[in-house]
Amino acid sequence: MNVFWGSILKYVFQIFAGIIGQMTPSIVAELQGLLTGLYKKALATPNPWDDFAVGMLLDILGIPRPPSE
């Protein structure tokens, strides 16, 4: 990845982390539960792009990935 895209992603992470920090805790918990469940479903599919896409959403929003079962 070149420096330009690295910088862009850095700012995207910062923006979304700031937005999540301002959200109501109950909404953040719901969002975390939704994306965590979606990530587990993505891992169960044979398509690796499912894992990548949902994992990237978790990373951007600063939500830890659940451990693989």
C-alpha atoms as a PDB file:
ATOM      1  CA  MET A   1       0.000   0.000   0.000  1.00  0.00           C
ATOM      2  CA  ASN A   2       1.406   3.374  -0.862  1.00  0.00           C
ATOM      3  CA  VAL A   3       1.722   6.328   1.493  1.00  0.00           C
ATOM      4  CA  PHE A   4      -1.304   8.106   0.053  1.00  0.00           C
ATOM      5  CA  TRP A   5      -3.766   5.271   0.763  1.00  0.00           C
ATOM      6  CA  GLY A   6      -2.173   4.610   4.128  1.00  0.00           C
ATOM      7  CA  SER A   7      -2.829   8.230   5.096  1.00  0.00           C
ATOM      8  CA  ILE A   8      -6.401   8.107   3.825  1.00  0.00           C
ATOM      9  CA  LEU A   9      -7.142   4.959   5.834  1.00  0.00           C
ATOM     10  CA  LYS A  10      -5.575   6.481   8.925  1.00  0.00           C
ATOM     11  CA  TYR A  11      -7.946   9.437   8.722  1.00  0.00           C
ATOM     12  CA  VAL A  12     -10.963   7.212   8.023  1.00  0.00           C
ATOM     13  CA  PHE A  13     -10.172   5.188  11.163  1.00  0.00           C
ATOM     14  CA  GLN A  14      -9.852   8.371  13.227  1.00  0.00           C
ATOM     15  CA  ILE A  15     -13.135   9.798  11.948  1.00  0.00           C
ATOM     16  CA  PHE A  16     -15.119   6.640  12.632  1.00  0.00           C
ATOM     17  CA  ALA A  17     -13.505   6.154  16.036  1.00  0.00           C
ATOM     18  CA  GLY A  18     -14.614   9.690  16.913  1.00  0.00           C
ATOM     19  CA  ILE A  19     -18.154   9.036  15.732  1.00  0.00           C
ATOM     20  CA  ILE A  20     -18.400   5.781  17.686  1.00  0.00           C
ATOM     21  CA  GLY A  21     -17.109   7.587  20.774  1.00  0.00           C
ATOM     22  CA  GLN A  22     -20.055  10.005  20.607  1.00  0.00           C
ATOM     23  CA  MET A  23     -22.758   7.388  20.146  1.00  0.00           C
ATOM     24  CA  THR A  24     -25.080   6.232  22.923  1.00  0.00           C
ATOM     25  CA  PRO A  25     -23.621   3.146  24.658  1.00  0.00           C
ATOM     26  CA  SER A  26     -26.724   1.037  24.012  1.00  0.00           C
ATOM     27  CA  ILE A  27     -26.521   1.776  20.272  1.00  0.00           C
ATOM     28  CA  VAL A  28     -22.794   0.964  20.240  1.00  0.00           C
ATOM     29  CA  ALA A  29     -23.541  -2.346  21.980  1.00  0.00           C
ATOM     30  CA  GLU A  30     -26.234  -3.163  19.393  1.00  0.00           C
ATOM     31  CA  LEU A  31     -23.881  -2.285  16.531  1.00  0.00           C
ATOM     32  CA  GLN A  32     -21.129  -4.407  18.059  1.00  0.00           C
ATOM     33  CA  GLY A  33     -23.502  -7.350  18.471  1.00  0.00           C
ATOM     34  CA  LEU A  34     -24.783  -6.996  14.917  1.00  0.00           C
ATOM     35  CA  LEU A  35     -21.334  -6.848  13.334  1.00  0.00           C
ATOM     36  CA  THR A  36     -19.910  -9.567  15.573  1.00  0.00           C
ATOM     37  CA  GLY A  37     -22.753 -11.897  14.569  1.00  0.00           C
ATOM     38  CA  LEU A  38     -22.296 -10.985  10.929  1.00  0.00           C
ATOM     39  CA  TYR A  39     -18.564 -11.710  11.172  1.00  0.00           C
ATOM     40  CA  LYS A  40     -19.248 -15.169  12.628  1.00  0.00           C
ATOM     41  CA  LYS A  41     -21.654 -15.861   9.750  1.00  0.00           C
ATOM     42  CA  ALA A  42     -19.057 -14.620   7.253  1.00  0.00           C
ATOM     43  CA  LEU A  43     -16.472 -17.017   8.676  1.00  0.00           C
ATOM     44  CA  ALA A  44     -18.920 -19.877   8.148  1.00  0.00           C
ATOM     45  CA  THR A  45     -19.211 -19.194   4.403  1.00  0.00           C
ATOM     46  CA  PRO A  46     -16.690 -20.548   1.886  1.00  0.00           C
ATOM     47  CA  ASN A  47     -16.156 -17.054   0.446  1.00  0.00           C
ATOM     48  CA  PRO A  48     -13.053 -15.358   1.933  1.00  0.00           C
ATOM     49  CA  TRP A  49     -14.256 -11.960   0.722  1.00  0.00           C
ATOM     50  CA  ASP A  50     -17.113 -12.147   3.226  1.00  0.00           C
ATOM     51  CA  ASP A  51     -14.555 -12.462   6.023  1.00  0.00           C
ATOM     52  CA  PHE A  52     -12.496  -9.614   4.611  1.00  0.00           C
ATOM     53  CA  ALA A  53     -15.390  -7.189   4.110  1.00  0.00           C
ATOM     54  CA  VAL A  54     -17.004  -7.665   7.511  1.00  0.00           C
ATOM     55  CA  GLY A  55     -13.593  -7.777   9.222  1.00  0.00           C
ATOM     56  CA  MET A  56     -12.725  -4.454   7.610  1.00  0.00           C
ATOM     57  CA  LEU A  57     -15.955  -2.921   8.935  1.00  0.00           C
ATOM     58  CA  LEU A  58     -15.084  -4.144  12.421  1.00  0.00           C
ATOM     59  CA  ASP A  59     -11.580  -2.693  12.128  1.00  0.00           C
ATOM     60  CA  ILE A  60     -12.793   0.668  10.824  1.00  0.00           C
ATOM     61  CA  LEU A  61     -15.305   0.969  13.652  1.00  0.00           C
ATOM     62  CA  GLY A  62     -12.772  -0.173  16.249  1.00  0.00           C
ATOM     63  CA  ILE A  63     -14.768  -3.235  17.270  1.00  0.00           C
ATOM     64  CA  PRO A  64     -12.603  -6.215  18.237  1.00  0.00           C
ATOM     65  CA  ARG A  65     -12.963  -9.318  16.091  1.00  0.00           C
ATOM     66  CA  PRO A  66     -14.404 -12.313  17.944  1.00  0.00           C
ATOM     67  CA  PRO A  67     -12.080 -15.312  18.230  1.00  0.00           C
ATOM     68  CA  SER A  68     -12.448 -18.026  15.612  1.00  0.00           C
ATOM     69  CA  GLU A  69     -14.252 -21.118  16.830  1.00  0.00           C
END
